[in-house]
Amino acid sequence: MTDQLPPRVFRRRGRRALRRMTDRQRAIFWAIRLEEISYPELAERHGISADEVQAEFAAALKIFLRTLREPDPSWQRLWPW
């Protein structure tokens, strides 16, 4: 997916996806992707079960991928920053 999108568009859509996530989804998404923390460690950190961590990460990943695929709003095609 990232090979098809210019880096600027990928970053813009990625920021939009992160804004759409809940605080917990965003924290779990970042921890798994950047810190490479396991589900049990995250469960302990957030005070939830490992299954709930998995569900939150799945929801965050779904938001991220869906946002990458959707087209930019029409106004952004006119003023692309």
C-alpha atoms as a PDB file:
ATOM      1  CA  MET A   1       0.000   0.000   0.000  1.00  0.00           C
ATOM      2  CA  THR A   2       2.748   2.465   0.845  1.00  0.00           C
ATOM      3  CA  ASP A   3       4.478   1.773  -2.483  1.00  0.00           C
ATOM      4  CA  GLN A   4       1.475   3.200  -4.310  1.00  0.00           C
ATOM      5  CA  LEU A   5       1.095   6.359  -2.225  1.00  0.00           C
ATOM      6  CA  PRO A   6       3.532   9.248  -2.285  1.00  0.00           C
ATOM      7  CA  PRO A   7       5.197   9.694   1.135  1.00  0.00           C
ATOM      8  CA  ARG A   8       3.447  13.014   1.753  1.00  0.00           C
ATOM      9  CA  VAL A   9       0.007  11.482   1.142  1.00  0.00           C
ATOM     10  CA  PHE A  10       0.854   8.452   3.304  1.00  0.00           C
ATOM     11  CA  ARG A  11       1.899  10.695   6.215  1.00  0.00           C
ATOM     12  CA  ARG A  12      -1.203  12.885   5.873  1.00  0.00           C
ATOM     13  CA  ARG A  13      -3.556   9.894   5.816  1.00  0.00           C
ATOM     14  CA  GLY A  14      -1.641   8.231   8.640  1.00  0.00           C
ATOM     15  CA  ARG A  15      -2.081  11.319  10.832  1.00  0.00           C
ATOM     16  CA  ARG A  16      -5.777  11.357   9.958  1.00  0.00           C
ATOM     17  CA  ALA A  17      -6.067   7.677  10.946  1.00  0.00           C
ATOM     18  CA  LEU A  18      -4.359   8.312  14.288  1.00  0.00           C
ATOM     19  CA  ARG A  19      -6.804  11.146  15.025  1.00  0.00           C
ATOM     20  CA  ARG A  20      -9.727   8.780  14.376  1.00  0.00           C
ATOM     21  CA  MET A  21      -8.509   6.227  16.932  1.00  0.00           C
ATOM     22  CA  THR A  22      -9.433   6.373  20.590  1.00  0.00           C
ATOM     23  CA  ASP A  23      -6.666   7.233  23.043  1.00  0.00           C
ATOM     24  CA  ARG A  24      -6.313   3.608  24.120  1.00  0.00           C
ATOM     25  CA  GLN A  25      -6.262   2.326  20.525  1.00  0.00           C
ATOM     26  CA  ARG A  26      -3.613   4.880  19.604  1.00  0.00           C
ATOM     27  CA  ALA A  27      -1.439   3.997  22.619  1.00  0.00           C
ATOM     28  CA  ILE A  28      -1.683   0.263  21.925  1.00  0.00           C
ATOM     29  CA  PHE A  29      -1.070   0.742  18.195  1.00  0.00           C
ATOM     30  CA  TRP A  30       2.087   2.803  18.833  1.00  0.00           C
ATOM     31  CA  ALA A  31       3.358   0.432  21.509  1.00  0.00           C
ATOM     32  CA  ILE A  32       2.967  -2.654  19.337  1.00  0.00           C
ATOM     33  CA  ARG A  33       4.318  -1.058  16.158  1.00  0.00           C
ATOM     34  CA  LEU A  34       7.188   1.005  17.582  1.00  0.00           C
ATOM     35  CA  GLU A  35       8.130  -0.453  20.961  1.00  0.00           C
ATOM     36  CA  GLU A  36       7.369  -4.080  19.998  1.00  0.00           C
ATOM     37  CA  ILE A  37       5.725  -4.797  23.355  1.00  0.00           C
ATOM     38  CA  SER A  38       3.799  -8.058  23.788  1.00  0.00           C
ATOM     39  CA  TYR A  39       0.064  -8.264  24.402  1.00  0.00           C
ATOM     40  CA  PRO A  40       0.448  -9.453  28.027  1.00  0.00           C
ATOM     41  CA  GLU A  41       2.769  -6.531  28.833  1.00  0.00           C
ATOM     42  CA  LEU A  42       0.312  -4.072  27.305  1.00  0.00           C
ATOM     43  CA  ALA A  43      -2.564  -5.718  29.141  1.00  0.00           C
ATOM     44  CA  GLU A  44      -0.761  -5.152  32.414  1.00  0.00           C
ATOM     45  CA  ARG A  45       0.104  -1.565  31.479  1.00  0.00           C
ATOM     46  CA  HIS A  46      -3.511  -0.670  30.603  1.00  0.00           C
ATOM     47  CA  GLY A  47      -5.235  -2.831  33.201  1.00  0.00           C
ATOM     48  CA  ILE A  48      -7.143  -4.945  30.665  1.00  0.00           C
ATOM     49  CA  SER A  49      -6.915  -8.531  29.418  1.00  0.00           C
ATOM     50  CA  ALA A  50      -4.656  -9.640  26.566  1.00  0.00           C
ATOM     51  CA  ASP A  51      -7.759 -10.416  24.494  1.00  0.00           C
ATOM     52  CA  GLU A  52      -8.928  -6.830  24.919  1.00  0.00           C
ATOM     53  CA  VAL A  53      -5.497  -5.590  23.837  1.00  0.00           C
ATOM     54  CA  GLN A  54      -5.761  -7.744  20.738  1.00  0.00           C
ATOM     55  CA  ALA A  55      -9.248  -6.386  19.989  1.00  0.00           C
ATOM     56  CA  GLU A  56      -8.098  -2.769  20.446  1.00  0.00           C
ATOM     57  CA  PHE A  57      -5.095  -3.327  18.155  1.00  0.00           C
ATOM     58  CA  ALA A  58      -7.300  -4.982  15.534  1.00  0.00           C
ATOM     59  CA  ALA A  59      -9.715  -2.032  15.645  1.00  0.00           C
ATOM     60  CA  ALA A  60      -6.835   0.453  15.366  1.00  0.00           C
ATOM     61  CA  LEU A  61      -5.322  -1.438  12.449  1.00  0.00           C
ATOM     62  CA  LYS A  62      -8.700  -1.527  10.710  1.00  0.00           C
ATOM     63  CA  ILE A  63      -9.049   2.247  11.100  1.00  0.00           C
ATOM     64  CA  PHE A  64      -5.508   2.786   9.835  1.00  0.00           C
ATOM     65  CA  LEU A  65      -5.890   0.623   6.730  1.00  0.00           C
ATOM     66  CA  ARG A  66      -9.350   1.951   5.905  1.00  0.00           C
ATOM     67  CA  THR A  67      -8.100   5.537   6.152  1.00  0.00           C
ATOM     68  CA  LEU A  68      -5.128   4.803   3.891  1.00  0.00           C
ATOM     69  CA  ARG A  69      -7.467   3.492   1.189  1.00  0.00           C
ATOM     70  CA  GLU A  70     -10.062   6.254   1.242  1.00  0.00           C
ATOM     71  CA  PRO A  71      -9.585   9.204  -1.120  1.00  0.00           C
ATOM     72  CA  ASP A  72      -8.680  12.634   0.156  1.00  0.00           C
ATOM     73  CA  PRO A  73     -11.497  15.151   0.612  1.00  0.00           C
ATOM     74  CA  SER A  74     -12.227  17.257  -2.456  1.00  0.00           C
ATOM     75  CA  TRP A  75     -10.983  20.475  -0.843  1.00  0.00           C
ATOM     76  CA  GLN A  76      -7.639  18.835  -0.111  1.00  0.00           C
ATOM     77  CA  ARG A  77      -7.142  18.039  -3.787  1.00  0.00           C
ATOM     78  CA  LEU A  78      -7.417  21.765  -4.465  1.00  0.00           C
ATOM     79  CA  TRP A  79      -5.078  22.821  -1.625  1.00  0.00           C
ATOM     80  CA  PRO A  80      -2.683  19.913  -1.011  1.00  0.00           C
ATOM     81  CA  TRP A  81      -0.420  20.717   1.923  1.00  0.00           C
END
